[in-house]
Amino acid sequence: IADEEVLIEIAKQAGLDVNEFQGDLYSPSAI
């Protein structure tokens, strides 16, 4: 679950906005 592709798939399964999640993953807001 440190693999970005795995995390994106998890985001899909969880019903998240995947594009938004990808943009937020390493964002200052998340950090």
PDB file of all heavy atoms in Angstrom:
ATOM      1  N   ILE A   1       0.811  -1.214   0.000  1.00  0.00           N
ATOM      2  CA  ILE A   1       0.000   0.000   0.000  1.00  0.00           C
ATOM      3  C   ILE A   1       0.851   1.273   0.000  1.00  0.00           C
ATOM      4  O   ILE A   1       0.340   2.365   0.227  1.00  0.00           O
ATOM      5  CB  ILE A   1      -0.977   0.016   1.186  1.00  0.00           C
ATOM      6  CG1 ILE A   1      -0.247  -0.170   2.523  1.00  0.00           C
ATOM      7  CG2 ILE A   1      -2.055  -1.045   1.015  1.00  0.00           C
ATOM      8  CD1 ILE A   1      -1.140  -0.005   3.743  1.00  0.00           C
ATOM      9  N   ALA A   2       2.131   1.123  -0.276  1.00  0.00           N
ATOM     10  CA  ALA A   2       2.969   2.293  -0.538  1.00  0.00           C
ATOM     11  C   ALA A   2       3.071   2.553  -2.040  1.00  0.00           C
ATOM     12  O   ALA A   2       3.587   3.588  -2.460  1.00  0.00           O
ATOM     13  CB  ALA A   2       4.364   2.085   0.042  1.00  0.00           C
ATOM     14  N   ASP A   3       2.574   1.617  -2.848  1.00  0.00           N
ATOM     15  CA  ASP A   3       2.602   1.736  -4.299  1.00  0.00           C
ATOM     16  C   ASP A   3       1.467   2.664  -4.751  1.00  0.00           C
ATOM     17  O   ASP A   3       0.301   2.441  -4.407  1.00  0.00           O
ATOM     18  CB  ASP A   3       2.436   0.347  -4.924  1.00  0.00           C
ATOM     19  CG  ASP A   3       2.598   0.372  -6.429  1.00  0.00           C
ATOM     20  OD1 ASP A   3       1.843   1.096  -7.097  1.00  0.00           O
ATOM     21  OD2 ASP A   3       3.476  -0.353  -6.937  1.00  0.00           O
ATOM     22  N   GLU A   4       1.793   3.680  -5.513  1.00  0.00           N
ATOM     23  CA  GLU A   4       0.790   4.669  -5.911  1.00  0.00           C
ATOM     24  C   GLU A   4      -0.336   4.056  -6.733  1.00  0.00           C
ATOM     25  O   GLU A   4      -1.506   4.436  -6.586  1.00  0.00           O
ATOM     26  CB  GLU A   4       1.447   5.808  -6.691  1.00  0.00           C
ATOM     27  CG  GLU A   4       0.497   6.960  -6.977  1.00  0.00           C
ATOM     28  CD  GLU A   4       1.204   8.181  -7.554  1.00  0.00           C
ATOM     29  OE1 GLU A   4       2.425   8.315  -7.339  1.00  0.00           O
ATOM     30  OE2 GLU A   4       0.524   8.992  -8.197  1.00  0.00           O
ATOM     31  N   GLU A   5      -0.032   3.094  -7.593  1.00  0.00           N
ATOM     32  CA  GLU A   5      -1.078   2.447  -8.393  1.00  0.00           C
ATOM     33  C   GLU A   5      -2.053   1.684  -7.499  1.00  0.00           C
ATOM     34  O   GLU A   5      -3.261   1.676  -7.751  1.00  0.00           O
ATOM     35  CB  GLU A   5      -0.449   1.495  -9.421  1.00  0.00           C
ATOM     36  CG  GLU A   5       0.310   2.206 -10.527  1.00  0.00           C
ATOM     37  CD  GLU A   5       0.821   1.239 -11.582  1.00  0.00           C
ATOM     38  OE1 GLU A   5       0.490   0.033 -11.518  1.00  0.00           O
ATOM     39  OE2 GLU A   5       1.543   1.695 -12.487  1.00  0.00           O
ATOM     40  N   VAL A   6      -1.541   1.042  -6.463  1.00  0.00           N
ATOM     41  CA  VAL A   6      -2.404   0.340  -5.500  1.00  0.00           C
ATOM     42  C   VAL A   6      -3.295   1.345  -4.780  1.00  0.00           C
ATOM     43  O   VAL A   6      -4.499   1.114  -4.605  1.00  0.00           O
ATOM     44  CB  VAL A   6      -1.555  -0.459  -4.488  1.00  0.00           C
ATOM     45  CG1 VAL A   6      -2.439  -1.034  -3.375  1.00  0.00           C
ATOM     46  CG2 VAL A   6      -0.803  -1.584  -5.193  1.00  0.00           C
ATOM     47  N   LEU A   7      -2.745   2.463  -4.377  1.00  0.00           N
ATOM     48  CA  LEU A   7      -3.514   3.484  -3.666  1.00  0.00           C
ATOM     49  C   LEU A   7      -4.610   4.073  -4.546  1.00  0.00           C
ATOM     50  O   LEU A   7      -5.722   4.340  -4.075  1.00  0.00           O
ATOM     51  CB  LEU A   7      -2.580   4.591  -3.180  1.00  0.00           C
ATOM     52  CG  LEU A   7      -1.578   4.181  -2.092  1.00  0.00           C
ATOM     53  CD1 LEU A   7      -0.568   5.297  -1.842  1.00  0.00           C
ATOM     54  CD2 LEU A   7      -2.306   3.825  -0.800  1.00  0.00           C
ATOM     55  N   ILE A   8      -4.320   4.257  -5.812  1.00  0.00           N
ATOM     56  CA  ILE A   8      -5.331   4.783  -6.736  1.00  0.00           C
ATOM     57  C   ILE A   8      -6.473   3.790  -6.894  1.00  0.00           C
ATOM     58  O   ILE A   8      -7.655   4.174  -6.920  1.00  0.00           O
ATOM     59  CB  ILE A   8      -4.683   5.110  -8.103  1.00  0.00           C
ATOM     60  CG1 ILE A   8      -3.752   6.317  -7.968  1.00  0.00           C
ATOM     61  CG2 ILE A   8      -5.760   5.382  -9.159  1.00  0.00           C
ATOM     62  CD1 ILE A   8      -2.901   6.583  -9.192  1.00  0.00           C
ATOM     63  N   GLU A   9      -6.148   2.510  -6.976  1.00  0.00           N
ATOM     64  CA  GLU A   9      -7.185   1.485  -7.076  1.00  0.00           C
ATOM     65  C   GLU A   9      -8.038   1.450  -5.810  1.00  0.00           C
ATOM     66  O   GLU A   9      -9.257   1.277  -5.867  1.00  0.00           O
ATOM     67  CB  GLU A   9      -6.545   0.113  -7.319  1.00  0.00           C
ATOM     68  CG  GLU A   9      -7.540  -1.033  -7.444  1.00  0.00           C
ATOM     69  CD  GLU A   9      -8.550  -0.840  -8.558  1.00  0.00           C
ATOM     70  OE1 GLU A   9      -8.211  -0.229  -9.594  1.00  0.00           O
ATOM     71  OE2 GLU A   9      -9.700  -1.301  -8.384  1.00  0.00           O
ATOM     72  N   ILE A  10      -7.404   1.633  -4.658  1.00  0.00           N
ATOM     73  CA  ILE A  10      -8.144   1.683  -3.394  1.00  0.00           C
ATOM     74  C   ILE A  10      -9.092   2.879  -3.394  1.00  0.00           C
ATOM     75  O   ILE A  10     -10.242   2.777  -2.949  1.00  0.00           O
ATOM     76  CB  ILE A  10      -7.169   1.763  -2.201  1.00  0.00           C
ATOM     77  CG1 ILE A  10      -6.393   0.453  -2.067  1.00  0.00           C
ATOM     78  CG2 ILE A  10      -7.915   2.068  -0.908  1.00  0.00           C
ATOM     79  CD1 ILE A  10      -5.265   0.506  -1.046  1.00  0.00           C
ATOM     80  N   ALA A  11      -8.618   4.005  -3.894  1.00  0.00           N
ATOM     81  CA  ALA A  11      -9.461   5.201  -3.975  1.00  0.00           C
ATOM     82  C   ALA A  11     -10.685   4.943  -4.845  1.00  0.00           C
ATOM     83  O   ALA A  11     -11.803   5.375  -4.519  1.00  0.00           O
ATOM     84  CB  ALA A  11      -8.655   6.374  -4.514  1.00  0.00           C
ATOM     85  N   LYS A  12     -10.502   4.221  -5.950  1.00  0.00           N
ATOM     86  CA  LYS A  12     -11.636   3.862  -6.814  1.00  0.00           C
ATOM     87  C   LYS A  12     -12.631   3.002  -6.055  1.00  0.00           C
ATOM     88  O   LYS A  12     -13.843   3.243  -6.089  1.00  0.00           O
ATOM     89  CB  LYS A  12     -11.135   3.103  -8.056  1.00  0.00           C
ATOM     90  CG  LYS A  12     -10.373   3.940  -9.058  1.00  0.00           C
ATOM     91  CD  LYS A  12      -9.904   3.075 -10.228  1.00  0.00           C
ATOM     92  CE  LYS A  12      -9.078   3.872 -11.217  1.00  0.00           C
ATOM     93  NZ  LYS A  12      -8.556   3.011 -12.320  1.00  0.00           N
ATOM     94  N   GLN A  13     -12.125   1.978  -5.375  1.00  0.00           N
ATOM     95  CA  GLN A  13     -12.993   1.067  -4.627  1.00  0.00           C
ATOM     96  C   GLN A  13     -13.744   1.781  -3.512  1.00  0.00           C
ATOM     97  O   GLN A  13     -14.869   1.400  -3.161  1.00  0.00           O
ATOM     98  CB  GLN A  13     -12.169  -0.082  -4.048  1.00  0.00           C
ATOM     99  CG  GLN A  13     -11.561  -1.005  -5.086  1.00  0.00           C
ATOM    100  CD  GLN A  13     -10.675  -2.073  -4.458  1.00  0.00           C
ATOM    101  OE1 GLN A  13     -10.679  -2.285  -3.255  1.00  0.00           O
ATOM    102  NE2 GLN A  13      -9.903  -2.749  -5.300  1.00  0.00           N
ATOM    103  N   ALA A  14     -13.131   2.811  -2.955  1.00  0.00           N
ATOM    104  CA  ALA A  14     -13.754   3.559  -1.865  1.00  0.00           C
ATOM    105  C   ALA A  14     -14.716   4.629  -2.363  1.00  0.00           C
ATOM    106  O   ALA A  14     -15.335   5.331  -1.559  1.00  0.00           O
ATOM    107  CB  ALA A  14     -12.677   4.197  -0.992  1.00  0.00           C
ATOM    108  N   GLY A  15     -14.836   4.774  -3.676  1.00  0.00           N
ATOM    109  CA  GLY A  15     -15.765   5.734  -4.248  1.00  0.00           C
ATOM    110  C   GLY A  15     -15.293   7.175  -4.190  1.00  0.00           C
ATOM    111  O   GLY A  15     -16.104   8.101  -4.189  1.00  0.00           O
ATOM    112  N   LEU A  16     -13.983   7.360  -4.163  1.00  0.00           N
ATOM    113  CA  LEU A  16     -13.437   8.716  -4.129  1.00  0.00           C
ATOM    114  C   LEU A  16     -13.335   9.295  -5.538  1.00  0.00           C
ATOM    115  O   LEU A  16     -13.373   8.565  -6.529  1.00  0.00           O
ATOM    116  CB  LEU A  16     -12.039   8.710  -3.483  1.00  0.00           C
ATOM    117  CG  LEU A  16     -11.960   8.868  -1.963  1.00  0.00           C
ATOM    118  CD1 LEU A  16     -12.676   7.741  -1.252  1.00  0.00           C
ATOM    119  CD2 LEU A  16     -10.510   8.951  -1.524  1.00  0.00           C
ATOM    120  N   ASP A  17     -13.199  10.600  -5.613  1.00  0.00           N
ATOM    121  CA  ASP A  17     -12.847  11.263  -6.864  1.00  0.00           C
ATOM    122  C   ASP A  17     -11.362  10.986  -7.083  1.00  0.00           C
ATOM    123  O   ASP A  17     -10.505  11.563  -6.397  1.00  0.00           O
ATOM    124  CB  ASP A  17     -13.115  12.772  -6.751  1.00  0.00           C
ATOM    125  CG  ASP A  17     -12.812  13.526  -8.039  1.00  0.00           C
ATOM    126  OD1 ASP A  17     -11.769  13.233  -8.684  1.00  0.00           O
ATOM    127  OD2 ASP A  17     -13.599  14.406  -8.403  1.00  0.00           O
ATOM    128  N   VAL A  18     -11.050  10.106  -8.017  1.00  0.00           N
ATOM    129  CA  VAL A  18      -9.680   9.625  -8.181  1.00  0.00           C
ATOM    130  C   VAL A  18      -8.735  10.729  -8.630  1.00  0.00           C
ATOM    131  O   VAL A  18      -7.598  10.824  -8.150  1.00  0.00           O
ATOM    132  CB  VAL A  18      -9.640   8.437  -9.162  1.00  0.00           C
ATOM    133  CG1 VAL A  18      -8.203   7.996  -9.416  1.00  0.00           C
ATOM    134  CG2 VAL A  18     -10.452   7.264  -8.612  1.00  0.00           C
ATOM    135  N   ASN A  19      -9.180  11.574  -9.542  1.00  0.00           N
ATOM    136  CA  ASN A  19      -8.328  12.674  -9.999  1.00  0.00           C
ATOM    137  C   ASN A  19      -7.982  13.618  -8.855  1.00  0.00           C
ATOM    138  O   ASN A  19      -6.840  14.063  -8.719  1.00  0.00           O
ATOM    139  CB  ASN A  19      -9.022  13.446 -11.124  1.00  0.00           C
ATOM    140  CG  ASN A  19      -9.105  12.642 -12.411  1.00  0.00           C
ATOM    141  OD1 ASN A  19      -8.260  11.775 -12.674  1.00  0.00           O
ATOM    142  ND2 ASN A  19     -10.127  12.907 -13.217  1.00  0.00           N
ATOM    143  N   GLU A  20      -8.989  13.900  -8.036  1.00  0.00           N
ATOM    144  CA  GLU A  20      -8.758  14.768  -6.878  1.00  0.00           C
ATOM    145  C   GLU A  20      -7.802  14.095  -5.892  1.00  0.00           C
ATOM    146  O   GLU A  20      -6.904  14.740  -5.341  1.00  0.00           O
ATOM    147  CB  GLU A  20     -10.090  15.075  -6.196  1.00  0.00           C
ATOM    148  CG  GLU A  20      -9.982  16.071  -5.055  1.00  0.00           C
ATOM    149  CD  GLU A  20     -11.332  16.417  -4.456  1.00  0.00           C
ATOM    150  OE1 GLU A  20     -12.353  16.231  -5.154  1.00  0.00           O
ATOM    151  OE2 GLU A  20     -11.368  16.859  -3.296  1.00  0.00           O
ATOM    152  N   PHE A  21      -7.987  12.792  -5.696  1.00  0.00           N
ATOM    153  CA  PHE A  21      -7.114  12.054  -4.785  1.00  0.00           C
ATOM    154  C   PHE A  21      -5.667  12.076  -5.263  1.00  0.00           C
ATOM    155  O   PHE A  21      -4.747  12.305  -4.467  1.00  0.00           O
ATOM    156  CB  PHE A  21      -7.602  10.610  -4.665  1.00  0.00           C
ATOM    157  CG  PHE A  21      -6.675   9.710  -3.883  1.00  0.00           C
ATOM    158  CD1 PHE A  21      -6.640   9.765  -2.501  1.00  0.00           C
ATOM    159  CD2 PHE A  21      -5.833   8.819  -4.539  1.00  0.00           C
ATOM    160  CE1 PHE A  21      -5.780   8.944  -1.774  1.00  0.00           C
ATOM    161  CE2 PHE A  21      -4.970   7.987  -3.822  1.00  0.00           C
ATOM    162  CZ  PHE A  21      -4.950   8.062  -2.440  1.00  0.00           C
ATOM    163  N   GLN A  22      -5.460  11.849  -6.552  1.00  0.00           N
ATOM    164  CA  GLN A  22      -4.097  11.882  -7.103  1.00  0.00           C
ATOM    165  C   GLN A  22      -3.454  13.249  -6.904  1.00  0.00           C
ATOM    166  O   GLN A  22      -2.270  13.350  -6.574  1.00  0.00           O
ATOM    167  CB  GLN A  22      -4.122  11.533  -8.594  1.00  0.00           C
ATOM    168  CG  GLN A  22      -4.312  10.062  -8.885  1.00  0.00           C
ATOM    169  CD  GLN A  22      -4.243   9.759 -10.372  1.00  0.00           C
ATOM    170  OE1 GLN A  22      -5.227   9.888 -11.098  1.00  0.00           O
ATOM    171  NE2 GLN A  22      -3.068   9.361 -10.824  1.00  0.00           N
ATOM    172  N   GLY A  23      -4.257  14.296  -7.091  1.00  0.00           N
ATOM    173  CA  GLY A  23      -3.728  15.639  -6.916  1.00  0.00           C
ATOM    174  C   GLY A  23      -3.398  15.973  -5.475  1.00  0.00           C
ATOM    175  O   GLY A  23      -2.490  16.753  -5.187  1.00  0.00           O
ATOM    176  N   ASP A  24      -4.139  15.343  -4.557  1.00  0.00           N
ATOM    177  CA  ASP A  24      -3.957  15.621  -3.130  1.00  0.00           C
ATOM    178  C   ASP A  24      -2.894  14.750  -2.473  1.00  0.00           C
ATOM    179  O   ASP A  24      -2.425  15.077  -1.367  1.00  0.00           O
ATOM    180  CB  ASP A  24      -5.277  15.411  -2.379  1.00  0.00           C
ATOM    181  CG  ASP A  24      -6.289  16.508  -2.649  1.00  0.00           C
ATOM    182  OD1 ASP A  24      -5.871  17.621  -3.008  1.00  0.00           O
ATOM    183  OD2 ASP A  24      -7.504  16.243  -2.514  1.00  0.00           O
ATOM    184  N   LEU A  25      -2.517  13.653  -3.116  1.00  0.00           N
ATOM    185  CA  LEU A  25      -1.703  12.643  -2.455  1.00  0.00           C
ATOM    186  C   LEU A  25      -0.419  13.194  -1.842  1.00  0.00           C
ATOM    187  O   LEU A  25      -0.086  12.875  -0.696  1.00  0.00           O
ATOM    188  CB  LEU A  25      -1.373  11.505  -3.438  1.00  0.00           C
ATOM    189  CG  LEU A  25      -0.606  10.318  -2.861  1.00  0.00           C
ATOM    190  CD1 LEU A  25      -1.294   9.760  -1.624  1.00  0.00           C
ATOM    191  CD2 LEU A  25      -0.439   9.226  -3.919  1.00  0.00           C
ATOM    192  N   TYR A  26       0.306  13.992  -2.579  1.00  0.00           N
ATOM    193  CA  TYR A  26       1.549  14.557  -2.046  1.00  0.00           C
ATOM    194  C   TYR A  26       1.442  16.071  -1.866  1.00  0.00           C
ATOM    195  O   TYR A  26       2.446  16.769  -1.826  1.00  0.00           O
ATOM    196  CB  TYR A  26       2.715  14.229  -2.984  1.00  0.00           C
ATOM    197  CG  TYR A  26       2.929  12.743  -3.169  1.00  0.00           C
ATOM    198  CD1 TYR A  26       2.531  12.112  -4.352  1.00  0.00           C
ATOM    199  CD2 TYR A  26       3.504  11.963  -2.174  1.00  0.00           C
ATOM    200  CE1 TYR A  26       2.715  10.742  -4.529  1.00  0.00           C
ATOM    201  CE2 TYR A  26       3.694  10.604  -2.333  1.00  0.00           C
ATOM    202  CZ  TYR A  26       3.292   9.996  -3.517  1.00  0.00           C
ATOM    203  OH  TYR A  26       3.473   8.647  -3.679  1.00  0.00           O
ATOM    204  N   SER A  27       0.217  16.545  -1.745  1.00  0.00           N
ATOM    205  CA  SER A  27      -0.021  17.986  -1.673  1.00  0.00           C
ATOM    206  C   SER A  27       0.358  18.560  -0.310  1.00  0.00           C
ATOM    207  O   SER A  27       0.403  17.843   0.704  1.00  0.00           O
ATOM    208  CB  SER A  27      -1.501  18.275  -1.945  1.00  0.00           C
ATOM    209  OG  SER A  27      -2.298  17.799  -0.868  1.00  0.00           O
ATOM    210  N   PRO A  28       0.606  19.861  -0.244  1.00  0.00           N
ATOM    211  CA  PRO A  28       0.883  20.512   1.047  1.00  0.00           C
ATOM    212  C   PRO A  28      -0.262  20.315   2.044  1.00  0.00           C
ATOM    213  O   PRO A  28      -0.018  20.203   3.243  1.00  0.00           O
ATOM    214  CB  PRO A  28       1.045  21.987   0.668  1.00  0.00           C
ATOM    215  CG  PRO A  28       1.492  21.959  -0.763  1.00  0.00           C
ATOM    216  CD  PRO A  28       0.781  20.794  -1.379  1.00  0.00           C
ATOM    217  N   SER A  29      -1.501  20.252   1.546  1.00  0.00           N
ATOM    218  CA  SER A  29      -2.654  20.085   2.436  1.00  0.00           C
ATOM    219  C   SER A  29      -2.620  18.733   3.138  1.00  0.00           C
ATOM    220  O   SER A  29      -2.872  18.635   4.348  1.00  0.00           O
ATOM    221  CB  SER A  29      -3.962  20.236   1.654  1.00  0.00           C
ATOM    222  OG  SER A  29      -4.093  21.533   1.129  1.00  0.00           O
ATOM    223  N   ALA A  30      -2.320  17.674   2.378  1.00  0.00           N
ATOM    224  CA  ALA A  30      -2.254  16.331   2.965  1.00  0.00           C
ATOM    225  C   ALA A  30      -1.074  16.227   3.936  1.00  0.00           C
ATOM    226  O   ALA A  30      -1.200  15.647   5.019  1.00  0.00           O
ATOM    227  CB  ALA A  30      -2.135  15.285   1.865  1.00  0.00           C
ATOM    228  N   ILE A  31       0.065  16.777   3.544  1.00  0.00           N
ATOM    229  CA  ILE A  31       1.251  16.747   4.411  1.00  0.00           C
ATOM    230  C   ILE A  31       0.990  17.504   5.706  1.00  0.00           C
ATOM    231  O   ILE A  31       1.336  17.035   6.804  1.00  0.00           O
ATOM    232  CB  ILE A  31       2.463  17.340   3.666  1.00  0.00           C
ATOM    233  CG1 ILE A  31       2.852  16.439   2.482  1.00  0.00           C
ATOM    234  CG2 ILE A  31       3.643  17.515   4.611  1.00  0.00           C
ATOM    235  CD1 ILE A  31       3.899  17.042   1.557  1.00  0.00           C
TER     236      ILE A  31
END
